[in-house]
N, C-alpha and C. Protein backbone atom coordinates (compact mmCIF):
# COMPACT_ATOMS: atom_id res chain seq x y z
N VAL A 1 87.92 119.19 104.05
CA VAL A 1 88.74 118.71 105.18
C VAL A 1 90.07 118.24 104.70
N GLN A 2 91.09 118.78 105.25
CA GLN A 2 92.42 118.24 104.99
C GLN A 2 93.11 117.93 106.24
N LEU A 3 93.87 116.87 106.19
CA LEU A 3 94.63 116.23 107.40
C LEU A 3 96.03 116.07 106.81
N GLN A 4 96.90 116.74 107.38
CA GLN A 4 98.43 116.77 107.07
C GLN A 4 99.21 116.04 108.10
N ALA A 5 99.66 114.87 107.80
CA ALA A 5 100.40 114.15 108.86
C ALA A 5 101.94 114.38 108.50
N SER A 6 102.67 114.54 109.67
CA SER A 6 104.16 114.54 109.52
C SER A 6 104.73 114.04 110.65
N GLY A 7 106.09 114.04 110.52
CA GLY A 7 106.79 113.37 111.73
C GLY A 7 107.48 112.06 111.54
N GLY A 8 107.28 111.36 110.48
CA GLY A 8 107.65 110.11 110.25
C GLY A 8 109.28 110.09 109.96
N GLY A 9 109.97 108.93 109.82
CA GLY A 9 111.18 108.83 109.55
C GLY A 9 111.67 107.57 109.90
N LEU A 10 113.13 107.45 109.94
CA LEU A 10 113.79 106.32 110.41
C LEU A 10 114.23 106.43 111.79
N VAL A 11 113.93 105.35 112.73
CA VAL A 11 114.16 105.39 113.95
C VAL A 11 114.76 103.98 114.31
N GLN A 12 115.80 103.98 115.25
CA GLN A 12 116.32 102.72 115.67
C GLN A 12 115.35 102.10 116.76
N PRO A 13 115.42 100.77 116.85
CA PRO A 13 114.65 100.06 117.79
C PRO A 13 114.97 100.63 119.21
N GLY A 14 113.77 100.89 119.99
CA GLY A 14 113.89 101.41 121.26
C GLY A 14 113.75 102.93 121.28
N GLY A 15 113.69 103.49 120.08
CA GLY A 15 113.69 105.02 119.95
C GLY A 15 112.25 105.55 120.12
N SER A 16 112.05 106.76 119.97
CA SER A 16 110.91 107.39 120.20
C SER A 16 110.62 108.23 118.96
N LEU A 17 109.28 108.66 118.81
CA LEU A 17 108.81 109.47 117.58
C LEU A 17 107.52 110.08 117.97
N ARG A 18 107.42 111.34 117.46
CA ARG A 18 106.04 112.17 117.65
C ARG A 18 105.61 112.46 116.21
N LEU A 19 104.42 111.97 115.99
CA LEU A 19 103.75 112.24 114.84
C LEU A 19 102.78 113.44 114.96
N SER A 20 102.54 114.29 114.05
CA SER A 20 101.71 115.37 114.09
C SER A 20 100.67 115.30 112.93
N CYS A 21 99.47 115.74 113.28
CA CYS A 21 98.53 115.85 112.31
C CYS A 21 97.80 117.28 112.29
N ALA A 22 98.02 118.00 111.35
CA ALA A 22 97.44 119.39 111.24
C ALA A 22 96.10 119.29 110.41
N ALA A 23 95.01 119.67 111.04
CA ALA A 23 93.71 119.57 110.42
C ALA A 23 93.23 121.00 110.07
N SER A 24 92.41 120.93 108.97
CA SER A 24 91.79 122.15 108.53
C SER A 24 90.47 121.68 107.94
N GLY A 25 89.52 122.55 108.14
CA GLY A 25 88.04 122.30 107.64
C GLY A 25 87.28 121.36 108.65
N ILE A 26 87.97 121.01 109.72
CA ILE A 26 87.23 120.24 110.73
C ILE A 26 87.87 120.75 112.11
N SER A 27 87.06 120.64 113.05
CA SER A 27 87.51 120.85 114.49
C SER A 27 88.04 119.58 115.17
N VAL A 28 89.26 119.43 115.57
CA VAL A 28 89.76 118.31 116.27
C VAL A 28 89.08 118.09 117.63
N SER A 29 88.51 119.24 118.29
CA SER A 29 87.91 119.26 119.51
C SER A 29 86.60 118.75 119.47
N ARG A 30 85.86 118.75 118.21
CA ARG A 30 84.65 118.25 118.18
C ARG A 30 84.58 117.00 117.20
N SER A 31 85.60 116.37 117.02
CA SER A 31 85.59 115.20 116.15
C SER A 31 86.32 114.03 116.91
N TYR A 32 86.11 112.78 116.56
CA TYR A 32 86.93 111.77 117.04
C TYR A 32 88.08 111.50 116.10
N MET A 33 89.21 111.93 116.60
CA MET A 33 90.51 111.86 115.93
C MET A 33 91.11 110.55 116.13
N ASN A 34 91.78 109.99 115.20
CA ASN A 34 92.34 108.79 115.27
C ASN A 34 93.72 108.50 114.55
N TRP A 35 94.45 107.72 114.90
CA TRP A 35 95.64 107.34 114.14
C TRP A 35 95.47 105.84 113.77
N TYR A 36 95.85 105.45 112.44
CA TYR A 36 95.72 104.16 111.83
C TYR A 36 97.26 103.98 111.34
N ARG A 37 97.51 102.72 111.05
CA ARG A 37 98.77 102.45 110.43
C ARG A 37 98.45 101.31 109.54
N GLN A 38 99.29 101.19 108.48
CA GLN A 38 99.27 100.13 107.51
C GLN A 38 100.83 99.59 107.21
N ALA A 39 101.08 98.35 107.64
CA ALA A 39 102.35 97.90 107.44
C ALA A 39 102.32 97.18 105.93
N PRO A 40 103.56 97.00 105.34
CA PRO A 40 103.57 96.35 104.17
C PRO A 40 102.88 94.99 104.10
N GLY A 41 102.04 94.84 103.15
CA GLY A 41 101.28 93.53 103.07
C GLY A 41 100.24 93.36 104.01
N LYS A 42 99.93 94.39 104.90
CA LYS A 42 98.80 94.03 105.77
C LYS A 42 97.82 94.98 105.74
N GLN A 43 96.73 94.93 106.38
CA GLN A 43 95.52 95.79 106.30
C GLN A 43 95.78 96.99 107.18
N ARG A 44 95.24 98.06 107.05
CA ARG A 44 95.19 99.18 107.82
C ARG A 44 94.50 98.79 109.15
N GLU A 45 95.22 99.21 110.26
CA GLU A 45 94.71 98.90 111.49
C GLU A 45 94.70 100.25 112.39
N PHE A 46 93.58 100.24 113.22
CA PHE A 46 93.42 101.28 114.27
C PHE A 46 94.51 101.12 115.31
N ILE A 47 95.06 102.28 115.77
CA ILE A 47 96.07 102.19 116.86
C ILE A 47 95.82 103.18 117.90
N ALA A 48 95.15 104.32 117.76
CA ALA A 48 94.75 105.33 118.77
C ALA A 48 93.67 106.16 118.52
N GLY A 49 92.98 106.57 119.38
CA GLY A 49 91.84 107.61 119.15
C GLY A 49 91.67 108.53 120.33
N ILE A 50 91.10 109.65 119.92
CA ILE A 50 90.86 110.67 121.05
C ILE A 50 89.65 111.49 120.89
N SER A 51 88.76 111.53 121.85
CA SER A 51 87.60 112.53 121.71
C SER A 51 87.56 113.01 123.14
N SER A 52 86.42 112.64 123.86
CA SER A 52 86.45 112.88 125.25
C SER A 52 87.19 111.87 126.10
N PHE A 53 87.81 111.07 125.49
CA PHE A 53 88.41 109.81 126.10
C PHE A 53 89.46 109.48 125.14
N THR A 54 90.38 108.77 125.52
CA THR A 54 91.46 108.16 124.59
C THR A 54 91.34 106.52 124.70
N ASN A 55 91.73 106.07 123.48
CA ASN A 55 91.79 104.60 123.53
C ASN A 55 92.86 104.10 122.67
N TYR A 56 93.42 103.01 122.96
CA TYR A 56 94.57 102.47 122.15
C TYR A 56 94.40 100.99 121.73
N ALA A 57 95.06 100.58 120.65
CA ALA A 57 95.30 99.18 120.38
C ALA A 57 96.11 98.56 121.33
N ASP A 58 95.94 97.29 121.66
CA ASP A 58 96.84 96.46 122.52
C ASP A 58 98.25 96.59 122.09
N SER A 59 98.50 96.65 120.67
CA SER A 59 99.77 96.63 120.10
C SER A 59 100.71 97.93 120.50
N VAL A 60 100.08 98.93 120.96
CA VAL A 60 100.76 100.09 121.20
C VAL A 60 100.45 100.61 122.64
N LYS A 61 99.60 100.17 123.31
CA LYS A 61 99.01 100.49 124.61
C LYS A 61 100.24 100.46 125.61
N GLY A 62 100.44 101.58 126.34
CA GLY A 62 101.49 101.53 127.27
C GLY A 62 102.75 102.16 126.73
N ARG A 63 102.88 102.29 125.49
CA ARG A 63 104.17 102.90 124.99
C ARG A 63 103.69 104.05 123.96
N SER A 64 102.46 104.35 123.83
CA SER A 64 101.93 105.53 122.96
C SER A 64 101.01 106.39 123.61
N THR A 65 101.12 107.68 123.31
CA THR A 65 100.19 108.63 123.73
C THR A 65 99.68 109.47 122.65
N ILE A 66 98.32 109.51 122.59
CA ILE A 66 97.60 110.40 121.69
C ILE A 66 97.18 111.62 122.42
N SER A 67 97.31 112.78 121.82
CA SER A 67 96.95 114.10 122.36
C SER A 67 96.51 114.99 121.30
N ARG A 68 96.04 116.10 121.74
CA ARG A 68 95.56 117.21 120.80
C ARG A 68 95.63 118.59 121.33
N ASP A 69 95.97 119.47 120.44
CA ASP A 69 96.04 120.97 120.74
C ASP A 69 94.91 121.60 120.10
N ASN A 70 93.96 121.92 120.91
CA ASN A 70 92.74 122.58 120.23
C ASN A 70 93.02 123.94 119.65
N ALA A 71 94.01 124.62 120.17
CA ALA A 71 94.27 126.05 119.59
C ALA A 71 94.99 125.82 118.30
N LYS A 72 96.01 124.97 118.21
CA LYS A 72 96.42 124.68 116.94
C LYS A 72 95.74 123.75 115.97
N ASN A 73 94.52 123.15 116.43
CA ASN A 73 93.81 122.29 115.71
C ASN A 73 94.60 121.11 115.12
N ALA A 74 95.29 120.45 116.14
CA ALA A 74 96.27 119.42 115.64
C ALA A 74 96.08 118.34 116.67
N VAL A 75 96.50 117.15 116.07
CA VAL A 75 96.57 115.90 116.98
C VAL A 75 97.88 115.33 116.88
N TYR A 76 98.41 114.71 117.89
CA TYR A 76 99.77 114.19 118.02
C TYR A 76 99.66 112.69 118.54
N LEU A 77 100.70 111.91 118.05
CA LEU A 77 100.93 110.64 118.55
C LEU A 77 102.36 110.47 118.91
N GLU A 78 102.63 110.29 120.16
CA GLU A 78 104.02 109.99 120.58
C GLU A 78 104.11 108.46 120.91
N MET A 79 105.07 107.94 120.36
CA MET A 79 105.33 106.67 120.37
C MET A 79 106.83 106.28 120.96
N ASN A 80 106.84 105.40 122.02
CA ASN A 80 108.15 105.13 122.68
C ASN A 80 108.46 103.67 122.55
N ASN A 81 109.63 103.28 122.82
CA ASN A 81 110.10 101.89 122.68
C ASN A 81 109.69 101.36 121.38
N LEU A 82 110.05 101.96 120.34
CA LEU A 82 109.51 101.51 119.00
C LEU A 82 110.25 100.23 118.64
N LYS A 83 109.42 99.30 117.94
CA LYS A 83 109.97 98.04 117.52
C LYS A 83 109.98 97.87 116.01
N PRO A 84 110.67 96.99 115.36
CA PRO A 84 110.61 96.82 114.01
C PRO A 84 109.12 96.55 113.47
N GLU A 85 108.33 96.01 114.24
CA GLU A 85 106.95 95.71 113.83
C GLU A 85 106.07 96.90 113.83
N ASP A 86 106.67 98.03 114.25
CA ASP A 86 105.88 99.27 114.17
C ASP A 86 106.17 100.02 112.93
N THR A 87 107.01 99.49 112.03
CA THR A 87 107.14 100.03 110.73
C THR A 87 105.89 99.94 109.98
N ALA A 88 105.54 101.17 109.45
CA ALA A 88 104.26 101.30 108.69
C ALA A 88 104.10 102.68 108.19
N VAL A 89 103.15 102.86 107.30
CA VAL A 89 102.67 104.19 107.07
C VAL A 89 101.52 104.50 108.07
N TYR A 90 101.72 105.66 108.68
CA TYR A 90 100.80 106.13 109.75
C TYR A 90 99.93 107.22 109.11
N TYR A 91 98.53 106.96 109.36
CA TYR A 91 97.65 107.81 108.83
C TYR A 91 96.72 108.61 109.96
N CYS A 92 96.53 109.69 109.84
CA CYS A 92 95.57 110.44 110.64
C CYS A 92 94.25 110.45 110.10
N CYS A 93 93.20 110.22 111.00
CA CYS A 93 91.82 110.01 110.54
C CYS A 93 90.91 110.81 111.40
N ALA A 94 90.00 111.59 110.80
CA ALA A 94 89.00 112.19 111.52
C ALA A 94 87.64 111.72 111.22
N ARG A 95 86.83 111.48 112.30
CA ARG A 95 85.51 110.91 112.31
C ARG A 95 84.51 111.85 112.85
N SER A 96 83.70 112.27 111.94
CA SER A 96 82.52 113.28 112.41
C SER A 96 81.23 112.80 111.83
N THR A 97 80.84 113.62 110.94
CA THR A 97 79.71 113.11 109.94
C THR A 97 80.13 112.20 108.98
N ASP A 98 81.37 112.16 108.79
CA ASP A 98 81.93 111.38 107.75
C ASP A 98 83.31 110.97 108.22
N TRP A 99 84.12 110.06 107.31
CA TRP A 99 85.48 109.82 107.59
C TRP A 99 86.40 110.55 106.64
N TRP A 100 87.53 111.00 107.27
CA TRP A 100 88.36 111.74 106.36
C TRP A 100 89.83 111.23 106.72
N TRP A 101 90.69 111.08 105.74
CA TRP A 101 91.87 110.46 105.90
C TRP A 101 93.12 111.48 105.47
N GLY A 102 94.15 111.58 106.10
CA GLY A 102 95.27 112.21 105.57
C GLY A 102 96.09 111.34 104.66
N GLN A 103 97.32 111.88 104.14
CA GLN A 103 98.08 111.16 103.23
C GLN A 103 98.94 110.15 103.81
N GLY A 104 99.28 110.28 104.95
CA GLY A 104 100.14 109.16 105.74
C GLY A 104 101.54 109.66 105.71
N THR A 105 102.16 109.18 106.84
CA THR A 105 103.60 109.39 106.94
C THR A 105 104.36 108.19 107.28
N LEU A 106 105.54 107.94 106.71
CA LEU A 106 106.12 106.64 106.89
C LEU A 106 107.12 106.56 108.03
N VAL A 107 106.87 105.51 108.91
CA VAL A 107 107.65 105.27 110.04
C VAL A 107 108.54 103.98 109.76
N THR A 108 109.84 104.09 109.82
CA THR A 108 110.62 102.93 109.70
C THR A 108 111.50 102.71 110.95
N VAL A 109 111.27 101.57 111.43
CA VAL A 109 112.12 101.26 112.72
C VAL A 109 113.10 100.19 112.31
N SER A 110 114.33 100.57 112.34
CA SER A 110 115.39 99.68 111.83
C SER A 110 116.83 100.11 112.39
N SER A 111 117.58 99.18 112.63
CA SER A 111 118.98 99.57 113.02
C SER A 111 119.91 99.46 111.81
């Protein structure tokens, strides 16, 4: 299983970003796909998940949307109204018979 996250970068506060996760070796349509993030000096935290339903952490609810493209076998996370506290490395995670993690993509929210 390989999960390739991309789309991170430097964004100004209030801006938007779309993260992508390209999966291979696992079907995103038959797995519980998640995004986690880890800010400097903090533990990794769940922020969004998608299977037959979607769920979000309170910290991003209302300004983030997780989606998937079964044909491309990919998962996305769109984040709006970004805040400095959203600065973190964002990881794609697949949960099926096991847990698999991608390498992470850095999002920096700063003016």
